[in-house]
Amino acid sequence: MVGPSQSLRQIKWLRLAEVAPSRFLLVIPSGTMIETLEVAVSDLFDLLPPSETYERGLLAELLRILRLRRRQKNVTKAEILLLQL
């Protein structure tokens, strides 16, 4: 889960599903490789100015986790159904 992020919302195919106040699941299209998300987040991070400390911190931590899990081959993706009642 991640906190709110205007930067992540710029990735057109990525959805942020709010599951608790200001807590979001990252929702990627079926079949999307984790490396695709990692590259997209890395590109966003590279474009952020240093003054965007919150967004840079969030993206840096997300990148750290994505890279670590990919290198450890410890990434699990699952399909979940989210319904608003």
C-alpha atoms as a PDB file:
ATOM      1  CA  MET A   1       0.000   0.000   0.000  1.00  0.00           C
ATOM      2  CA  VAL A   2       1.083   3.537  -0.655  1.00  0.00           C
ATOM      3  CA  GLY A   3      -0.023   6.950   0.496  1.00  0.00           C
ATOM      4  CA  PRO A   4      -1.678   9.450  -1.845  1.00  0.00           C
ATOM      5  CA  SER A   5       0.459  10.338  -4.847  1.00  0.00           C
ATOM      6  CA  GLN A   6      -0.145  12.745  -7.701  1.00  0.00           C
ATOM      7  CA  SER A   7       2.916  11.340  -9.443  1.00  0.00           C
ATOM      8  CA  LEU A   8       1.647   7.754  -9.522  1.00  0.00           C
ATOM      9  CA  ARG A   9      -1.648   8.983 -10.965  1.00  0.00           C
ATOM     10  CA  GLN A  10       0.326  10.107 -14.041  1.00  0.00           C
ATOM     11  CA  ILE A  11       0.899   6.462 -15.033  1.00  0.00           C
ATOM     12  CA  LYS A  12      -2.119   6.022 -17.300  1.00  0.00           C
ATOM     13  CA  TRP A  13      -2.484   2.261 -16.884  1.00  0.00           C
ATOM     14  CA  LEU A  14      -1.951   2.268 -13.087  1.00  0.00           C
ATOM     15  CA  ARG A  15      -4.905   2.673 -10.753  1.00  0.00           C
ATOM     16  CA  LEU A  16      -4.787   3.562  -7.088  1.00  0.00           C
ATOM     17  CA  ALA A  17      -7.555   1.821  -5.137  1.00  0.00           C
ATOM     18  CA  GLU A  18      -8.214   3.477  -1.782  1.00  0.00           C
ATOM     19  CA  VAL A  19      -8.709   0.768   0.844  1.00  0.00           C
ATOM     20  CA  ALA A  20      -8.434   2.991   3.927  1.00  0.00           C
ATOM     21  CA  PRO A  21      -8.175   6.747   4.350  1.00  0.00           C
ATOM     22  CA  SER A  22      -5.089   7.827   2.378  1.00  0.00           C
ATOM     23  CA  ARG A  23      -3.967   4.206   1.856  1.00  0.00           C
ATOM     24  CA  PHE A  24      -3.981   2.857  -1.692  1.00  0.00           C
ATOM     25  CA  LEU A  25      -3.380  -0.470  -3.393  1.00  0.00           C
ATOM     26  CA  LEU A  26      -1.524  -0.339  -6.695  1.00  0.00           C
ATOM     27  CA  VAL A  27      -3.715  -1.883  -9.392  1.00  0.00           C
ATOM     28  CA  ILE A  28      -1.968  -2.919 -12.593  1.00  0.00           C
ATOM     29  CA  PRO A  29      -3.520  -4.474 -15.685  1.00  0.00           C
ATOM     30  CA  SER A  30      -3.454  -8.254 -15.856  1.00  0.00           C
ATOM     31  CA  GLY A  31      -0.246  -9.488 -17.456  1.00  0.00           C
ATOM     32  CA  THR A  32       1.786  -6.370 -16.620  1.00  0.00           C
ATOM     33  CA  MET A  33       5.313  -7.308 -15.605  1.00  0.00           C
ATOM     34  CA  ILE A  34       6.743  -5.880 -12.399  1.00  0.00           C
ATOM     35  CA  GLU A  35       9.654  -4.480 -14.413  1.00  0.00           C
ATOM     36  CA  THR A  36       7.196  -2.319 -16.366  1.00  0.00           C
ATOM     37  CA  LEU A  37       5.973  -0.731 -13.140  1.00  0.00           C
ATOM     38  CA  GLU A  38       9.535  -0.306 -11.891  1.00  0.00           C
ATOM     39  CA  VAL A  39      10.604   1.539 -15.062  1.00  0.00           C
ATOM     40  CA  ALA A  40       7.504   3.768 -14.997  1.00  0.00           C
ATOM     41  CA  VAL A  41       8.113   4.727 -11.348  1.00  0.00           C
ATOM     42  CA  SER A  42      11.814   5.298 -12.030  1.00  0.00           C
ATOM     43  CA  ASP A  43      10.985   7.603 -14.948  1.00  0.00           C
ATOM     44  CA  LEU A  44       8.596   9.609 -12.752  1.00  0.00           C
ATOM     45  CA  PHE A  45      11.196   9.886 -10.012  1.00  0.00           C
ATOM     46  CA  ASP A  46      13.802  11.180 -12.468  1.00  0.00           C
ATOM     47  CA  LEU A  47      11.450  13.954 -13.623  1.00  0.00           C
ATOM     48  CA  LEU A  48      10.527  15.231 -10.151  1.00  0.00           C
ATOM     49  CA  PRO A  49      12.249  18.392  -8.971  1.00  0.00           C
ATOM     50  CA  PRO A  50      14.118  18.208  -5.639  1.00  0.00           C
ATOM     51  CA  SER A  51      11.487  20.477  -4.077  1.00  0.00           C
ATOM     52  CA  GLU A  52       8.884  17.668  -4.323  1.00  0.00           C
ATOM     53  CA  THR A  53      10.145  15.997  -1.155  1.00  0.00           C
ATOM     54  CA  TYR A  54       6.997  13.985  -0.330  1.00  0.00           C
ATOM     55  CA  GLU A  55       6.578  12.555  -3.839  1.00  0.00           C
ATOM     56  CA  ARG A  56      10.314  11.876  -4.185  1.00  0.00           C
ATOM     57  CA  GLY A  57      10.349  10.062  -0.849  1.00  0.00           C
ATOM     58  CA  LEU A  58       7.317   7.966  -1.722  1.00  0.00           C
ATOM     59  CA  LEU A  59       8.635   7.026  -5.177  1.00  0.00           C
ATOM     60  CA  ALA A  60      12.142   6.323  -3.844  1.00  0.00           C
ATOM     61  CA  GLU A  61      10.777   3.924  -1.228  1.00  0.00           C
ATOM     62  CA  LEU A  62       8.478   2.247  -3.762  1.00  0.00           C
ATOM     63  CA  LEU A  63      11.423   1.840  -6.153  1.00  0.00           C
ATOM     64  CA  ARG A  64      13.583   0.406  -3.387  1.00  0.00           C
ATOM     65  CA  ILE A  65      10.956  -2.216  -2.559  1.00  0.00           C
ATOM     66  CA  LEU A  66      10.204  -3.060  -6.207  1.00  0.00           C
ATOM     67  CA  ARG A  67      13.908  -3.536  -6.998  1.00  0.00           C
ATOM     68  CA  LEU A  68      14.572  -5.588  -3.880  1.00  0.00           C
ATOM     69  CA  ARG A  69      11.633  -7.917  -4.448  1.00  0.00           C
ATOM     70  CA  ARG A  70      12.407  -8.307  -8.172  1.00  0.00           C
ATOM     71  CA  ARG A  71      16.044  -9.147  -7.479  1.00  0.00           C
ATOM     72  CA  GLN A  72      15.008 -11.640  -4.802  1.00  0.00           C
ATOM     73  CA  LYS A  73      12.413 -13.046  -7.206  1.00  0.00           C
ATOM     74  CA  ASN A  74       9.956 -12.468  -4.399  1.00  0.00           C
ATOM     75  CA  VAL A  75       7.066 -10.709  -6.138  1.00  0.00           C
ATOM     76  CA  THR A  76       3.563 -12.092  -5.948  1.00  0.00           C
ATOM     77  CA  LYS A  77       0.728 -10.673  -8.002  1.00  0.00           C
ATOM     78  CA  ALA A  78      -2.887 -11.615  -7.529  1.00  0.00           C
ATOM     79  CA  GLU A  79      -6.209 -10.629  -8.934  1.00  0.00           C
ATOM     80  CA  ILE A  80      -8.685  -9.237  -6.445  1.00  0.00           C
ATOM     81  CA  LEU A  81     -12.210  -8.042  -6.899  1.00  0.00           C
ATOM     82  CA  LEU A  82     -12.999  -4.631  -5.413  1.00  0.00           C
ATOM     83  CA  LEU A  83     -16.657  -3.669  -5.192  1.00  0.00           C
ATOM     84  CA  GLN A  84     -18.186  -0.516  -3.846  1.00  0.00           C
ATOM     85  CA  LEU A  85     -21.504  -1.280  -2.162  1.00  0.00           C
END
